Amino acid sequence: MRGRGKIRLWPAYFDASLSRGQGRRVPKEKAVRDPTAEAVEKAAQRLGLNPTVEPGTAYSKQPWRRTGLIQVDRKGKKTEIITKVAQELRK
């Protein structure tokens, strides 16, 4: 089964140019402009979350943008992991 014990992270979660309705999951002050799947992967790697990237996949709220998907180990709640990755992206 794909992604068992994993959390899916989309670059849109961290994109400051998007609204919450368009898929951003972090406050604007914690978001970055146009994050890539590779940047999110590197941030998750620095946090020890064992990320894997699925290039070419599209977020359901933006099916025309094939930004890729990052899957990380489930080490806590999804919102906590998203916040930690967002902080790491800002460094």
Protein backbone atom coordinates (compact mmCIF):
# COMPACT_ATOMS: atom_id res chain seq x y z
CA MET A 1 0.00 0.00 0.00
CA ARG A 2 1.42 3.36 -1.05
CA GLY A 3 2.36 5.77 1.71
CA ARG A 4 1.53 3.61 4.72
CA GLY A 5 2.99 5.31 7.78
CA LYS A 6 3.81 8.37 5.68
CA ILE A 7 2.53 11.93 5.49
CA ARG A 8 2.07 13.64 2.13
CA LEU A 9 3.44 17.16 1.75
CA TRP A 10 2.71 19.31 -1.28
CA PRO A 11 4.78 22.41 -2.12
CA ALA A 12 1.50 24.37 -2.21
CA TYR A 13 1.27 23.98 1.59
CA PHE A 14 4.24 26.35 1.94
CA ASP A 15 3.61 28.80 -0.95
CA ALA A 16 3.18 32.41 0.22
CA SER A 17 1.60 33.42 -3.10
CA LEU A 18 -1.39 31.13 -2.48
CA SER A 19 -4.38 31.71 -0.23
CA ARG A 20 -5.57 29.19 2.33
CA GLY A 21 -8.40 28.28 -0.04
CA GLN A 22 -5.86 27.55 -2.77
CA GLY A 23 -4.00 25.11 -0.54
CA ARG A 24 -1.55 27.00 1.69
CA ARG A 25 -1.42 25.36 5.14
CA VAL A 26 0.97 27.67 7.02
CA PRO A 27 0.65 31.37 7.96
CA LYS A 28 1.99 33.79 5.33
CA GLU A 29 4.86 34.86 7.59
CA LYS A 30 6.05 31.23 7.74
CA ALA A 31 5.53 30.55 4.02
CA VAL A 32 8.02 31.01 1.17
CA ARG A 33 7.49 32.12 -2.41
CA ASP A 34 7.25 29.33 -5.02
CA PRO A 35 8.74 26.39 -3.07
CA THR A 36 9.86 23.40 -5.12
CA ALA A 37 9.49 19.74 -4.26
CA GLU A 38 13.29 19.56 -4.04
CA ALA A 39 13.41 22.42 -1.50
CA VAL A 40 10.74 20.74 0.64
CA GLU A 41 12.61 17.44 0.34
CA LYS A 42 15.87 19.05 1.56
CA ALA A 43 14.09 20.70 4.50
CA ALA A 44 12.49 17.38 5.47
CA GLN A 45 15.86 15.63 5.10
CA ARG A 46 17.47 18.11 7.52
CA LEU A 47 14.69 17.28 10.00
CA GLY A 48 15.36 13.55 9.66
CA LEU A 49 11.96 12.71 8.17
CA ASN A 50 13.28 10.36 5.45
CA PRO A 51 11.55 12.09 2.50
CA THR A 52 10.78 10.55 -0.88
CA VAL A 53 9.72 12.60 -3.89
CA GLU A 54 7.18 11.63 -6.52
CA PRO A 55 7.93 14.06 -9.37
CA GLY A 56 5.22 15.07 -11.80
CA THR A 57 2.26 14.60 -9.48
CA ALA A 58 -0.31 17.37 -9.17
CA TYR A 59 -2.02 18.75 -6.07
CA SER A 60 -5.78 18.30 -6.35
CA LYS A 61 -6.52 22.02 -5.88
CA GLN A 62 -4.16 22.85 -8.76
CA PRO A 63 -4.25 19.93 -11.20
CA TRP A 64 -2.63 22.00 -13.98
CA ARG A 65 0.60 22.47 -11.92
CA ARG A 66 2.66 19.29 -11.66
CA THR A 67 4.78 20.30 -8.67
CA GLY A 68 5.51 16.86 -7.27
CA LEU A 69 4.69 15.20 -3.97
CA ILE A 70 6.92 14.65 -0.95
CA GLN A 71 6.19 11.78 1.43
CA VAL A 72 7.81 11.83 4.87
CA ASP A 73 7.79 9.50 7.86
CA ARG A 74 4.92 10.02 10.29
CA LYS A 75 6.76 11.36 13.35
CA GLY A 76 3.97 13.29 15.04
CA LYS A 77 0.90 15.15 13.91
CA LYS A 78 0.72 16.36 10.33
CA THR A 79 0.22 20.00 11.36
CA GLU A 80 3.33 19.85 13.57
CA ILE A 81 5.41 18.36 10.77
CA ILE A 82 4.16 20.98 8.29
CA THR A 83 5.11 23.76 10.74
CA LYS A 84 8.60 22.31 11.29
CA VAL A 85 9.21 21.92 7.55
CA ALA A 86 8.01 25.50 6.96
CA GLN A 87 10.47 26.79 9.56
CA GLU A 88 13.26 24.80 7.95
CA LEU A 89 12.37 26.18 4.50
CA ARG A 90 12.76 29.75 5.79
CA LYS A 91 16.37 29.11 6.85
